[in-house]
C-alpha atoms as a PDB file:
ATOM      1  CA  UNK A   1      35.664  13.964 123.890  1.00  0.00           C
ATOM      2  CA  UNK A   2      37.384  15.161 120.735  1.00  0.00           C
ATOM      3  CA  UNK A   3      40.040  13.188 118.952  1.00  0.00           C
ATOM      4  CA  UNK A   4      43.503  14.032 120.299  1.00  0.00           C
ATOM      5  CA  UNK A   5      45.454  13.154 117.160  1.00  0.00           C
ATOM      6  CA  UNK A   6      45.183  11.691 113.682  1.00  0.00           C
ATOM      7  CA  UNK A   7      47.838   9.631 111.918  1.00  0.00           C
ATOM      8  CA  UNK A   8      47.613   9.714 108.141  1.00  0.00           C
ATOM      9  CA  UNK A   9      48.664   6.384 106.631  1.00  0.00           C
ATOM     10  CA  UNK A  10      46.822   6.671 103.318  1.00  0.00           C
ATOM     11  CA  UNK A  11      47.118  10.128 101.776  1.00  0.00           C
ATOM     12  CA  UNK A  12      44.832  10.895  98.842  1.00  0.00           C
ATOM     13  CA  UNK A  13      46.724  10.939  95.536  1.00  0.00           C
ATOM     14  CA  UNK A  14      45.366  13.820  93.481  1.00  0.00           C
ATOM     15  CA  UNK A  15      45.015  12.817  89.816  1.00  0.00           C
ATOM     16  CA  UNK A  16      47.253  14.898  87.515  1.00  0.00           C
ATOM     17  CA  UNK A  17      48.000  14.952  83.788  1.00  0.00           C
ATOM     18  CA  UNK A  18      51.458  16.561  83.989  1.00  0.00           C
ATOM     19  CA  UNK A  19      53.433  13.804  85.760  1.00  0.00           C
ATOM     20  CA  UNK A  20      53.453  15.595  89.134  1.00  0.00           C
ATOM     21  CA  UNK A  21      52.795  13.462  92.212  1.00  0.00           C
ATOM     22  CA  UNK A  22      50.492  15.090  94.782  1.00  0.00           C
ATOM     23  CA  UNK A  23      49.787  13.172  98.000  1.00  0.00           C
ATOM     24  CA  UNK A  24      47.416  15.168 100.179  1.00  0.00           C
ATOM     25  CA  UNK A  25      47.805  14.120 103.808  1.00  0.00           C
ATOM     26  CA  UNK A  26      45.367  16.651 105.254  1.00  0.00           C
ATOM     27  CA  UNK A  27      42.958  19.042 103.533  1.00  0.00           C
ATOM     28  CA  UNK A  28      39.672  19.085 101.620  1.00  0.00           C
ATOM     29  CA  UNK A  29      40.007  15.689  99.953  1.00  0.00           C
ATOM     30  CA  UNK A  30      41.279  13.747 102.958  1.00  0.00           C
ATOM     31  CA  UNK A  31      39.542  15.122 106.024  1.00  0.00           C
ATOM     32  CA  UNK A  32      37.347  17.993 104.700  1.00  0.00           C
ATOM     33  CA  UNK A  33      39.400  20.580 106.594  1.00  0.00           C
ATOM     34  CA  UNK A  34      38.944  23.998 104.936  1.00  0.00           C
ATOM     35  CA  UNK A  35      41.576  25.669 107.128  1.00  0.00           C
ATOM     36  CA  UNK A  36      44.796  23.899 106.114  1.00  0.00           C
ATOM     37  CA  UNK A  37      46.153  21.447 103.590  1.00  0.00           C
ATOM     38  CA  UNK A  38      49.401  19.489 103.851  1.00  0.00           C
ATOM     39  CA  UNK A  39      50.758  17.678 100.808  1.00  0.00           C
ATOM     40  CA  UNK A  40      53.875  15.812  99.744  1.00  0.00           C
ATOM     41  CA  UNK A  41      54.709  16.495  96.104  1.00  0.00           C
ATOM     42  CA  UNK A  42      57.229  15.407  93.501  1.00  0.00           C
ATOM     43  CA  UNK A  43      57.613  17.626  90.435  1.00  0.00           C
ATOM     44  CA  UNK A  44      59.351  15.772  87.591  1.00  0.00           C
ATOM     45  CA  UNK A  45      62.287  17.287  85.707  1.00  0.00           C
ATOM     46  CA  UNK A  46      61.037  19.729  83.074  1.00  0.00           C
ATOM     47  CA  UNK A  47      57.657  20.267  84.784  1.00  0.00           C
ATOM     48  CA  UNK A  48      55.824  23.593  84.937  1.00  0.00           C
ATOM     49  CA  UNK A  49      52.306  24.886  85.454  1.00  0.00           C
ATOM     50  CA  UNK A  50      50.513  28.113  84.491  1.00  0.00           C
ATOM     51  CA  UNK A  51      50.718  31.314  86.506  1.00  0.00           C
ATOM     52  CA  UNK A  52      48.209  31.537  89.347  1.00  0.00           C
ATOM     53  CA  UNK A  53      46.983  34.061  91.901  1.00  0.00           C
ATOM     54  CA  UNK A  54      45.825  31.928  94.851  1.00  0.00           C
ATOM     55  CA  UNK A  55      43.547  33.003  97.695  1.00  0.00           C
ATOM     56  CA  UNK A  56      45.740  31.165 100.238  1.00  0.00           C
ATOM     57  CA  UNK A  57      49.180  31.495 101.795  1.00  0.00           C
ATOM     58  CA  UNK A  58      51.469  28.679 100.654  1.00  0.00           C
ATOM     59  CA  UNK A  59      54.519  27.389 102.482  1.00  0.00           C
ATOM     60  CA  UNK A  60      56.967  25.155 100.579  1.00  0.00           C
ATOM     61  CA  UNK A  61      59.858  23.128 102.009  1.00  0.00           C
ATOM     62  CA  UNK A  62      62.299  21.440  99.598  1.00  0.00           C
ATOM     63  CA  UNK A  63      63.321  17.897 100.589  1.00  0.00           C
ATOM     64  CA  UNK A  64      65.357  17.048  97.479  1.00  0.00           C
ATOM     65  CA  UNK A  65      66.181  18.774  94.198  1.00  0.00           C
ATOM     66  CA  UNK A  66      65.322  22.354  93.234  1.00  0.00           C
ATOM     67  CA  UNK A  67      62.121  24.244  92.430  1.00  0.00           C
ATOM     68  CA  UNK A  68      61.774  27.501  90.531  1.00  0.00           C
ATOM     69  CA  UNK A  69      59.289  30.231  91.461  1.00  0.00           C
ATOM     70  CA  UNK A  70      58.447  33.097  89.104  1.00  0.00           C
ATOM     71  CA  UNK A  71      56.993  35.615  91.571  1.00  0.00           C
ATOM     72  CA  UNK A  72      55.601  38.640  89.716  1.00  0.00           C
ATOM     73  CA  UNK A  73      58.487  38.364  87.219  1.00  0.00           C
ATOM     74  CA  UNK A  74      61.259  37.707  89.772  1.00  0.00           C
ATOM     75  CA  UNK A  75      62.898  34.257  89.535  1.00  0.00           C
ATOM     76  CA  UNK A  76      63.570  32.558  92.876  1.00  0.00           C
ATOM     77  CA  UNK A  77      65.175  29.097  93.068  1.00  0.00           C
ATOM     78  CA  UNK A  78      64.849  27.013  96.218  1.00  0.00           C
ATOM     79  CA  UNK A  79      67.163  24.082  96.965  1.00  0.00           C
ATOM     80  CA  UNK A  80      67.186  21.189  99.436  1.00  0.00           C
ATOM     81  CA  UNK A  81      66.624  22.367 103.002  1.00  0.00           C
ATOM     82  CA  UNK A  82      65.209  25.762 102.028  1.00  0.00           C
ATOM     83  CA  UNK A  83      61.650  27.009 102.449  1.00  0.00           C
ATOM     84  CA  UNK A  84      59.474  29.903 101.318  1.00  0.00           C
ATOM     85  CA  UNK A  85      56.153  31.486 102.245  1.00  0.00           C
ATOM     86  CA  UNK A  86      54.109  32.987  99.426  1.00  0.00           C
ATOM     87  CA  UNK A  87      51.307  35.293 100.531  1.00  0.00           C
ATOM     88  CA  UNK A  88      47.822  34.977  99.079  1.00  0.00           C
ATOM     89  CA  UNK A  89      47.128  37.269  96.138  1.00  0.00           C
ATOM     90  CA  UNK A  90      50.679  37.003  94.748  1.00  0.00           C
ATOM     91  CA  UNK A  91      50.977  36.045  91.063  1.00  0.00           C
ATOM     92  CA  UNK A  92      53.290  33.026  90.846  1.00  0.00           C
ATOM     93  CA  UNK A  93      54.342  30.285  88.458  1.00  0.00           C
ATOM     94  CA  UNK A  94      55.885  27.082  89.773  1.00  0.00           C
ATOM     95  CA  UNK A  95      58.287  24.988  87.681  1.00  0.00           C
ATOM     96  CA  UNK A  96      61.130  22.505  87.744  1.00  0.00           C
ATOM     97  CA  UNK A  97      63.312  23.282  84.712  1.00  0.00           C
ATOM     98  CA  UNK A  98      66.130  21.217  86.222  1.00  0.00           C
ATOM     99  CA  UNK A  99      67.453  17.728  85.389  1.00  0.00           C
ATOM    100  CA  UNK A 100      66.167  15.934  88.501  1.00  0.00           C
ATOM    101  CA  UNK A 101      62.795  15.624  90.239  1.00  0.00           C
ATOM    102  CA  UNK A 102      61.977  18.032  93.063  1.00  0.00           C
ATOM    103  CA  UNK A 103      60.595  16.433  96.232  1.00  0.00           C
ATOM    104  CA  UNK A 104      58.833  18.895  98.541  1.00  0.00           C
ATOM    105  CA  UNK A 105      56.166  19.565 101.155  1.00  0.00           C
ATOM    106  CA  UNK A 106      53.463  22.195 100.687  1.00  0.00           C
ATOM    107  CA  UNK A 107      51.159  23.697 103.316  1.00  0.00           C
ATOM    108  CA  UNK A 108      48.286  25.977 102.305  1.00  0.00           C
ATOM    109  CA  UNK A 109      46.160  28.152 104.597  1.00  0.00           C
ATOM    110  CA  UNK A 110      43.262  28.098 104.003  1.00  0.00           C
ATOM    111  CA  UNK A 111      43.333  24.646 102.424  1.00  0.00           C
ATOM    112  CA  UNK A 112      44.119  24.262  98.731  1.00  0.00           C
ATOM    113  CA  UNK A 113      41.073  24.135  96.507  1.00  0.00           C
ATOM    114  CA  UNK A 114      40.929  24.348  92.722  1.00  0.00           C
ATOM    115  CA  UNK A 115      38.243  27.022  93.118  1.00  0.00           C
ATOM    116  CA  UNK A 116      40.585  29.460  94.884  1.00  0.00           C
ATOM    117  CA  UNK A 117      43.884  28.866  93.037  1.00  0.00           C
ATOM    118  CA  UNK A 118      42.936  30.966  89.963  1.00  0.00           C
ATOM    119  CA  UNK A 119      45.282  29.448  87.359  1.00  0.00           C
ATOM    120  CA  UNK A 120      45.702  31.447  84.172  1.00  0.00           C
ATOM    121  CA  UNK A 121      44.890  29.855  80.818  1.00  0.00           C
END
């Protein structure tokens, strides 16, 4: 009989060097699931990362604060209670140029992997 449910009490904290908190609840590092990853993240004020062209769809839901998306040159700002789906193959840069941390949930299908995110140098 297969397992009917899984409760995640100890998400894996992905090591970062930019001050961003990444707690993966489900995905490659926690349960080896290649199909989906679910992570809670906190991007500090002033944070940004390079452009990327991922091989996965990414859904983001903002819990608190604001997050900026540069999607092929178009600036989109999400606020608390808003969500977005970015399709795989879209060039995007994520940042938080605002004065407060941004607390959010991210879901990637297939699961996030550094090998398929394709960050620019």
